[in-house]
Amino acid sequence: MAGGVLCQDLPMNKRTSDTVRLSPENLDEIRASIDWQALFTGLGLRKAELKSKPNDWWAFSPFHDEKTPSFHMAAGGIWYDFSIGEGGGPIELVQRLEGGNCYEAGRLILERGWAHASVDLSIPVTRHRDTVRRSVTKAVTTVTETVPTENDPIRQDLLKLCSYHETIAARGVSEATCDLLGIGYLPQGRSPLKGRIVFQVADARPAAKNAEEPSRVILSHFGRSIDGTEPKYLFYKGFHKSSELYAQELISLHEDAAAQISDTKAIVLTEGPFDVAKAVEAGLRNVVGSFGSSLSLAQAQKLKAMADTFGAETIHIIYDRDTAGREGAAKAVAQVEAQGLTAHVFDWDAPVTRARSGDVFIPVSVQDLADMSSKQIQWLRQRGQL
């Protein structure tokens, strides 16, 4: 394409006013000096080795998924994608992939060292790069906070390979509770969760045959170390735990959950899977976990949806007794209240009752909900603290 041809503008972050502009002559210099193989590699094109020759490269189309390579590039960065019927030079390819006009595409090529031109971009480009980095960070943060990432259901069911384990029994969690929540020990196999206590993450999603009747679907699994191996909790890559609540499916699917929410007008929020398991063992069904001491916006929104559906007004927060748990609970209050719900944080330091000898406190050896016995949890429920 000649320098005087119209430079079409495609969607891209606009350059700031202090950025040095390229001239049509600079674009010609870029086209003449382009290292097309560096361009090819730098753009992440997937080279088809068997079909390619030394100066005649083929790749899989960068514009869509395909099984047969249809993208061709040769000297000068001249390319053509047979799958979409489009082609051009190096600048047009960068425009097509990155957006923006031809001058912005040319500048990107210069910044990455794929060509050279008689222009100094160092100072303004640095300023622009910082500006873009800040704007992108802000945009990504905003999107992350407002648009939760969906976890799609999976077909894998690791619980079929799991069994009850003495470690689970020692925590006071029965086989019946394990069956209800999907908990077991994985003794063998290829899974990275091998040798760990496996917890299944599930949800209640509309059934394919009847959208009005949700059914239990598996979203993922994660494992807890039993021998001190790090990390303590291991999640599969690609699973977005901040988008889910542990045991969330019980709220919608268990016959006692709706009744308990109706009676207490509350949902119990705790940290880890064993906290939830001990609460379920004690008979609680209106309980979920946040996979740690941090409640995300997406999780708070899920709590709000549950509350609206089943008539809850309060979220009882019982995070761990340590500093992280206390700080996390305080932050969770803000998230919950922002959803228009009332938040009640369990006070580990307050007396739970009064005896003849004086106030009775929870022993310091009890550091989380999982450390409590079923009778202790039931006792707290009877007194409206859970």
Protein backbone atom coordinates (compact mmCIF):
# COMPACT_ATOMS: atom_id res chain seq x y z
CA MET A 1 0.00 0.00 0.00
CA ALA A 2 1.43 3.39 -0.94
CA GLY A 3 1.93 6.05 1.67
CA GLY A 4 -0.74 8.29 0.18
CA VAL A 5 -3.54 5.71 0.39
CA LEU A 6 -6.31 6.48 2.89
CA CYS A 7 -5.35 5.33 6.38
CA GLN A 8 -8.52 3.64 7.65
CA ASP A 9 -9.18 3.91 11.36
CA LEU A 10 -10.03 0.73 13.26
CA PRO A 11 -10.95 0.49 16.97
CA MET A 12 -7.88 1.04 19.12
CA ASN A 13 -6.72 3.13 22.06
CA LYS A 14 -6.07 6.64 20.71
CA ARG A 15 -2.64 8.20 21.04
CA THR A 16 -2.14 11.17 23.29
CA SER A 17 -1.61 14.61 21.81
CA ASP A 18 2.07 14.70 22.79
CA THR A 19 2.92 11.62 20.73
CA VAL A 20 5.16 12.15 17.71
CA ARG A 21 3.15 11.44 14.57
CA LEU A 22 4.54 9.35 11.76
CA SER A 23 4.53 10.65 8.21
CA PRO A 24 3.56 8.78 5.02
CA GLU A 25 7.29 8.62 4.28
CA ASN A 26 7.86 6.86 7.61
CA LEU A 27 5.27 4.26 6.66
CA ASP A 28 7.11 3.63 3.40
CA GLU A 29 10.34 3.17 5.39
CA ILE A 30 8.60 0.63 7.60
CA ARG A 31 7.34 -1.35 4.63
CA ALA A 32 10.79 -1.32 3.03
CA SER A 33 12.67 -2.40 6.16
CA ILE A 34 10.20 -4.84 7.71
CA ASP A 35 11.67 -8.02 9.18
CA TRP A 36 8.70 -10.10 8.14
CA GLN A 37 9.80 -13.23 9.97
CA ALA A 38 10.16 -11.26 13.22
CA LEU A 39 6.72 -9.77 12.55
CA PHE A 40 5.29 -13.24 11.94
CA THR A 41 6.76 -14.61 15.15
CA GLY A 42 6.10 -11.50 17.23
CA LEU A 43 2.40 -11.52 16.40
CA GLY A 44 2.15 -15.06 17.68
CA LEU A 45 1.17 -16.65 14.37
CA ARG A 46 1.17 -20.45 14.54
CA LYS A 47 3.53 -21.60 11.81
CA ALA A 48 2.63 -24.74 9.85
CA GLU A 49 6.12 -26.22 9.54
CA LEU A 50 5.28 -28.98 7.08
CA LYS A 51 3.69 -26.60 4.60
CA SER A 52 6.18 -23.74 4.96
CA LYS A 53 9.34 -23.09 2.95
CA PRO A 54 12.35 -20.87 3.86
CA ASN A 55 10.86 -17.66 2.41
CA ASP A 56 7.27 -18.76 2.12
CA TRP A 57 5.53 -19.30 5.45
CA TRP A 58 2.10 -20.70 6.21
CA ALA A 59 0.16 -20.43 9.46
CA PHE A 60 -3.22 -21.10 10.96
CA SER A 61 -5.48 -18.11 10.60
CA PRO A 62 -5.09 -15.64 13.48
CA PHE A 63 -8.66 -14.48 12.97
CA HIS A 64 -10.48 -17.68 13.91
CA ASP A 65 -9.88 -21.31 14.87
CA GLU A 66 -9.14 -23.75 12.06
CA LYS A 67 -7.59 -27.17 11.52
CA THR A 68 -5.98 -26.50 8.13
CA PRO A 69 -3.50 -23.58 7.73
CA SER A 70 -4.87 -20.92 5.39
CA PHE A 71 -2.70 -17.90 6.25
CA HIS A 72 0.27 -17.18 3.96
CA MET A 73 3.12 -14.67 4.37
CA ALA A 74 6.19 -14.00 2.23
CA ALA A 75 8.99 -11.43 1.80
CA GLY A 76 8.02 -7.87 2.66
CA GLY A 77 5.38 -9.09 5.07
CA ILE A 78 2.89 -9.51 2.25
CA TRP A 79 0.13 -11.78 3.53
CA TYR A 80 -3.14 -13.31 2.47
CA ASP A 81 -5.67 -15.25 4.51
CA PHE A 82 -7.56 -17.58 2.20
CA SER A 83 -10.12 -18.42 4.87
CA ILE A 84 -11.45 -14.85 5.01
CA GLY A 85 -10.35 -13.60 1.58
CA GLU A 86 -8.29 -10.70 2.93
CA GLY A 87 -4.65 -9.68 2.62
CA GLY A 88 -2.20 -6.79 2.65
CA GLY A 89 1.16 -5.74 4.02
CA PRO A 90 2.67 -5.63 7.52
CA ILE A 91 0.91 -2.42 8.55
CA GLU A 92 -2.48 -3.71 7.42
CA LEU A 93 -1.94 -6.95 9.34
CA VAL A 94 -1.16 -5.11 12.56
CA GLN A 95 -4.22 -2.93 11.99
CA ARG A 96 -6.35 -6.01 11.48
CA LEU A 97 -5.07 -7.68 14.64
CA GLU A 98 -4.47 -4.73 16.95
CA GLY A 99 -6.85 -2.07 15.63
CA GLY A 100 -6.14 1.62 15.07
CA ASN A 101 -5.09 3.52 11.97
CA CYS A 102 -2.02 2.88 9.82
CA TYR A 103 0.12 5.39 11.74
CA GLU A 104 -0.63 3.71 15.06
CA ALA A 105 0.08 0.31 13.51
CA GLY A 106 3.36 1.61 12.11
CA ARG A 107 4.35 2.99 15.48
CA LEU A 108 3.66 -0.38 17.12
CA ILE A 109 5.91 -2.09 14.56
CA LEU A 110 8.71 0.38 15.32
CA GLU A 111 8.28 0.00 19.08
CA ARG A 112 8.70 -3.77 18.78
CA GLY A 113 11.76 -3.50 16.56
CA TRP A 114 10.30 -5.22 13.50
CA ALA A 115 11.30 -2.32 11.22
CA HIS A 116 13.03 1.07 11.34
CA ALA A 117 12.30 4.61 10.20
CA SER A 118 13.92 8.04 10.48
CA VAL A 119 11.90 9.18 13.48
CA ASP A 120 12.60 9.28 17.25
CA LEU A 121 9.68 7.89 19.21
CA SER A 122 11.38 7.17 22.52
CA ILE A 123 10.19 10.00 24.76
CA PRO A 124 6.57 10.38 23.71
CA VAL A 125 6.11 6.65 23.24
CA THR A 126 7.26 6.05 26.80
CA ARG A 127 4.75 8.59 28.09
CA HIS A 128 2.03 7.06 25.96
CA ARG A 129 2.86 3.54 27.08
CA ASP A 130 2.51 4.59 30.72
CA THR A 131 -0.81 6.27 29.95
CA VAL A 132 -2.15 3.20 28.18
CA ARG A 133 -0.92 0.92 30.95
CA ARG A 134 -2.80 2.97 33.54
CA SER A 135 -5.98 3.11 31.47
CA VAL A 136 -5.89 -0.61 30.69
CA THR A 137 -5.28 -1.47 34.35
CA LYS A 138 -8.23 0.69 35.34
CA ALA A 139 -10.45 -0.82 32.67
CA VAL A 140 -9.49 -4.41 33.52
CA THR A 141 -10.01 -3.75 37.22
CA THR A 142 -13.43 -2.25 36.56
CA VAL A 143 -14.50 -5.12 34.35
CA THR A 144 -13.18 -7.69 36.80
CA GLU A 145 -15.16 -6.13 39.62
CA THR A 146 -18.42 -5.78 37.73
CA VAL A 147 -18.51 -8.69 35.29
CA PRO A 148 -17.73 -11.99 37.02
CA THR A 149 -16.14 -14.73 34.96
CA GLU A 150 -18.50 -17.62 34.32
CA ASN A 151 -17.40 -21.11 35.31
CA ASP A 152 -18.87 -23.60 32.88
CA PRO A 153 -20.02 -27.04 34.06
CA ILE A 154 -17.64 -29.95 33.55
CA ARG A 155 -18.26 -33.66 32.99
CA GLN A 156 -15.41 -34.90 35.16
CA ASP A 157 -16.49 -36.30 38.52
CA LEU A 158 -13.44 -37.05 40.66
CA LEU A 159 -15.61 -38.20 43.54
CA LYS A 160 -16.12 -41.48 41.70
CA LEU A 161 -12.44 -42.16 42.38
CA CYS A 162 -12.45 -40.90 45.96
CA SER A 163 -13.10 -42.61 49.27
CA TYR A 164 -13.75 -41.68 52.87
CA HIS A 165 -10.55 -41.00 54.81
CA GLU A 166 -9.39 -40.95 58.41
CA THR A 167 -8.40 -37.29 58.06
CA ILE A 168 -12.00 -36.42 57.23
CA ALA A 169 -13.27 -38.53 60.11
CA ALA A 170 -10.85 -36.82 62.49
CA ARG A 171 -12.39 -33.48 61.56
CA GLY A 172 -15.79 -34.75 62.66
CA VAL A 173 -17.30 -34.93 59.18
CA SER A 174 -19.37 -38.03 58.44
CA GLU A 175 -19.66 -40.01 55.24
CA ALA A 176 -23.21 -38.73 54.84
CA THR A 177 -22.00 -35.13 54.82
CA CYS A 178 -19.24 -36.05 52.37
CA ASP A 179 -21.83 -37.58 50.05
CA LEU A 180 -23.99 -34.47 50.30
CA LEU A 181 -21.21 -31.97 49.60
CA GLY A 182 -18.95 -34.08 47.41
CA ILE A 183 -15.89 -34.67 49.60
CA GLY A 184 -13.42 -37.55 49.53
CA TYR A 185 -9.79 -38.60 49.46
CA LEU A 186 -8.19 -39.21 46.05
CA PRO A 187 -5.67 -42.05 46.53
CA GLN A 188 -4.43 -42.48 42.99
CA GLY A 189 -4.70 -41.34 39.40
CA ARG A 190 -3.19 -38.67 37.15
CA SER A 191 -4.95 -35.71 38.74
CA PRO A 192 -2.76 -33.09 40.46
CA LEU A 193 -5.16 -33.51 43.38
CA LYS A 194 -3.90 -37.04 44.00
CA GLY A 195 -3.14 -37.62 47.68
CA ARG A 196 -5.38 -34.76 48.80
CA ILE A 197 -8.82 -34.35 50.28
CA VAL A 198 -10.94 -33.40 47.28
CA PHE A 199 -13.83 -30.97 47.48
CA GLN A 200 -16.27 -30.71 44.63
CA VAL A 201 -17.49 -27.27 43.57
CA ALA A 202 -21.05 -27.37 42.28
CA ASP A 203 -23.94 -25.09 41.47
CA ALA A 204 -27.66 -25.24 40.78
CA ARG A 205 -28.18 -24.46 37.11
CA PRO A 206 -31.30 -24.67 34.90
CA ALA A 207 -31.73 -28.15 33.48
CA ALA A 208 -31.57 -28.59 29.73
CA LYS A 209 -34.97 -30.25 29.57
CA ASN A 210 -36.69 -28.02 32.13
CA ALA A 211 -35.28 -24.54 32.72
CA GLU A 212 -37.65 -24.01 35.66
CA GLU A 213 -36.13 -26.89 37.63
CA PRO A 214 -32.43 -26.35 38.38
CA SER A 215 -30.19 -29.34 38.86
CA ARG A 216 -26.77 -29.90 40.41
CA VAL A 217 -23.85 -29.38 38.03
CA ILE A 218 -20.14 -29.82 38.73
CA LEU A 219 -17.96 -26.75 38.13
CA SER A 220 -14.59 -27.94 39.40
CA HIS A 221 -12.66 -29.71 42.16
CA PHE A 222 -9.95 -28.54 44.52
CA GLY A 223 -7.76 -30.38 46.97
CA ARG A 224 -6.51 -29.85 50.51
CA SER A 225 -3.13 -31.13 51.59
CA ILE A 226 -3.11 -33.66 54.44
CA ASP A 227 0.67 -33.90 54.97
CA GLY A 228 1.77 -30.28 55.02
CA THR A 229 2.51 -30.16 51.29
CA GLU A 230 2.23 -26.70 49.77
CA PRO A 231 0.01 -25.22 48.61
CA LYS A 232 -2.46 -26.05 51.35
CA TYR A 233 -5.31 -25.73 48.84
CA LEU A 234 -4.79 -26.57 45.18
CA PHE A 235 -7.25 -25.39 42.53
CA TYR A 236 -7.36 -26.30 38.87
CA LYS A 237 -6.10 -23.58 36.55
CA GLY A 238 -8.94 -21.77 34.83
CA PHE A 239 -11.37 -22.09 37.71
CA HIS A 240 -12.49 -18.69 39.01
CA LYS A 241 -13.19 -19.24 42.69
CA SER A 242 -14.11 -15.59 43.25
CA SER A 243 -17.18 -16.18 41.08
CA GLU A 244 -18.59 -18.98 43.25
CA LEU A 245 -19.54 -19.81 46.82
CA TYR A 246 -18.72 -23.22 48.23
CA ALA A 247 -21.88 -25.32 48.82
CA GLN A 248 -24.00 -22.74 46.99
CA GLU A 249 -26.01 -25.54 45.39
CA LEU A 250 -27.47 -26.52 48.77
CA ILE A 251 -29.25 -23.20 49.08
CA SER A 252 -31.30 -23.91 45.97
CA LEU A 253 -31.55 -27.69 46.00
CA HIS A 254 -31.67 -28.97 49.58
CA GLU A 255 -35.18 -29.26 50.95
CA ASP A 256 -34.19 -27.86 54.36
CA ALA A 257 -32.28 -24.80 53.14
CA ALA A 258 -35.29 -22.70 52.19
CA ALA A 259 -36.99 -23.54 55.49
CA GLN A 260 -33.93 -22.57 57.52
CA ILE A 261 -33.57 -19.28 55.68
CA SER A 262 -37.25 -18.59 56.23
CA ASP A 263 -36.92 -19.34 59.95
CA THR A 264 -33.71 -17.39 60.56
CA LYS A 265 -34.01 -14.77 57.81
CA ALA A 266 -30.30 -15.32 57.34
CA ILE A 267 -27.54 -17.03 55.38
CA VAL A 268 -24.32 -18.07 57.11
CA LEU A 269 -21.05 -17.14 55.38
CA THR A 270 -17.82 -18.79 56.42
CA GLU A 271 -14.33 -19.31 54.96
CA GLY A 272 -13.21 -22.80 54.09
CA PRO A 273 -14.75 -26.07 52.96
CA PHE A 274 -14.24 -27.79 56.32
CA ASP A 275 -16.01 -24.88 58.02
CA VAL A 276 -18.98 -25.46 55.75
CA ALA A 277 -18.76 -29.23 56.21
CA LYS A 278 -18.85 -28.95 60.01
CA ALA A 279 -21.83 -26.60 59.83
CA VAL A 280 -23.63 -29.03 57.52
CA GLU A 281 -22.72 -31.89 59.87
CA ALA A 282 -24.42 -29.92 62.64
CA GLY A 283 -27.58 -29.63 60.59
CA LEU A 284 -27.15 -26.20 58.98
CA ARG A 285 -28.20 -26.02 55.36
CA ASN A 286 -28.21 -22.25 54.86
CA VAL A 287 -24.41 -22.00 54.87
CA VAL A 288 -21.85 -21.20 52.16
CA GLY A 289 -18.10 -20.56 52.01
CA SER A 290 -16.09 -17.88 50.23
CA PHE A 291 -12.94 -19.99 49.58
CA GLY A 292 -10.95 -17.89 52.03
CA SER A 293 -11.15 -14.67 53.99
CA SER A 294 -11.93 -12.44 51.01
CA LEU A 295 -15.46 -11.89 49.73
CA SER A 296 -15.53 -10.71 46.12
CA LEU A 297 -18.15 -8.48 44.54
CA ALA A 298 -19.41 -11.42 42.47
CA GLN A 299 -19.81 -13.52 45.62
CA ALA A 300 -21.63 -10.69 47.39
CA GLN A 301 -23.97 -10.42 44.42
CA LYS A 302 -24.65 -14.15 44.65
CA LEU A 303 -25.53 -13.74 48.31
CA LYS A 304 -27.89 -10.95 47.36
CA ALA A 305 -29.58 -13.13 44.74
CA MET A 306 -29.99 -15.94 47.25
CA ALA A 307 -31.36 -13.56 49.85
CA ASP A 308 -33.88 -12.10 47.43
CA THR A 309 -35.00 -15.54 46.29
CA PHE A 310 -35.43 -17.15 49.71
CA GLY A 311 -36.19 -14.17 51.94
CA ALA A 312 -32.93 -13.66 53.84
CA GLU A 313 -32.24 -10.26 55.35
CA THR A 314 -28.98 -10.88 57.22
CA ILE A 315 -25.64 -12.48 56.37
CA HIS A 316 -24.01 -14.03 59.45
CA ILE A 317 -20.26 -13.83 58.82
CA ILE A 318 -18.08 -16.25 60.77
CA TYR A 319 -14.55 -16.09 59.40
CA ASP A 320 -11.48 -17.47 61.17
CA ARG A 321 -10.35 -16.11 64.50
CA ASP A 322 -6.93 -15.02 63.26
CA THR A 323 -5.99 -11.56 62.00
CA ALA A 324 -6.66 -12.42 58.36
CA GLY A 325 -10.10 -13.69 59.25
CA ARG A 326 -11.01 -10.64 61.30
CA GLU A 327 -9.79 -8.23 58.64
CA GLY A 328 -11.54 -10.21 55.92
CA ALA A 329 -14.78 -10.19 57.88
CA ALA A 330 -14.63 -6.42 58.25
CA LYS A 331 -14.20 -6.02 54.49
CA ALA A 332 -16.97 -8.54 53.83
CA VAL A 333 -19.34 -6.38 55.84
CA ALA A 334 -18.86 -3.53 53.38
CA GLN A 335 -19.50 -5.85 50.42
CA VAL A 336 -22.64 -7.27 52.00
CA GLU A 337 -24.04 -3.91 53.06
CA ALA A 338 -23.40 -2.52 49.58
CA GLN A 339 -25.90 -5.11 48.37
CA GLY A 340 -28.55 -3.76 50.72
CA LEU A 341 -28.26 -6.60 53.23
CA THR A 342 -27.50 -6.56 56.94
CA ALA A 343 -24.17 -8.05 57.97
CA HIS A 344 -23.53 -9.61 61.38
CA VAL A 345 -19.96 -10.61 62.25
CA PHE A 346 -19.43 -13.34 64.82
CA ASP A 347 -17.51 -11.91 67.79
CA TRP A 348 -14.89 -14.41 68.88
CA ASP A 349 -14.03 -12.34 71.96
CA ALA A 350 -17.54 -11.90 73.32
CA PRO A 351 -18.95 -14.20 76.01
CA VAL A 352 -21.29 -16.82 74.58
CA THR A 353 -23.15 -17.33 77.84
CA ARG A 354 -22.94 -16.66 81.56
CA ALA A 355 -22.43 -19.23 84.28
CA ARG A 356 -22.45 -18.93 88.06
CA SER A 357 -18.72 -18.41 87.97
CA GLY A 358 -18.98 -15.63 85.38
CA ASP A 359 -18.88 -15.13 81.61
CA VAL A 360 -18.11 -18.11 79.40
CA PHE A 361 -15.91 -17.54 76.35
CA ILE A 362 -14.97 -19.69 73.39
CA PRO A 363 -11.62 -21.38 74.17
CA VAL A 364 -8.64 -19.96 72.29
CA SER A 365 -8.00 -23.45 70.93
CA VAL A 366 -11.07 -23.00 68.74
CA GLN A 367 -9.80 -20.93 65.82
CA ASP A 368 -12.53 -21.45 63.24
CA LEU A 369 -15.95 -22.95 62.70
CA ALA A 370 -14.38 -26.28 61.76
CA ASP A 371 -12.83 -26.53 65.25
CA MET A 372 -16.26 -26.51 66.87
CA SER A 373 -18.25 -29.61 67.65
CA SER A 374 -21.68 -30.18 66.17
CA LYS A 375 -23.24 -29.49 69.58
CA GLN A 376 -21.43 -26.16 69.87
CA ILE A 377 -22.60 -25.10 66.40
CA GLN A 378 -26.16 -26.16 67.18
CA TRP A 379 -26.00 -24.24 70.45
CA LEU A 380 -24.92 -21.07 68.63
CA ARG A 381 -27.71 -21.57 66.10
CA GLN A 382 -30.29 -21.85 68.86
CA ARG A 383 -29.11 -18.53 70.26
CA GLY A 384 -29.33 -16.79 66.90
CA GLN A 385 -25.61 -16.32 66.40
CA LEU A 386 -25.48 -18.55 63.32
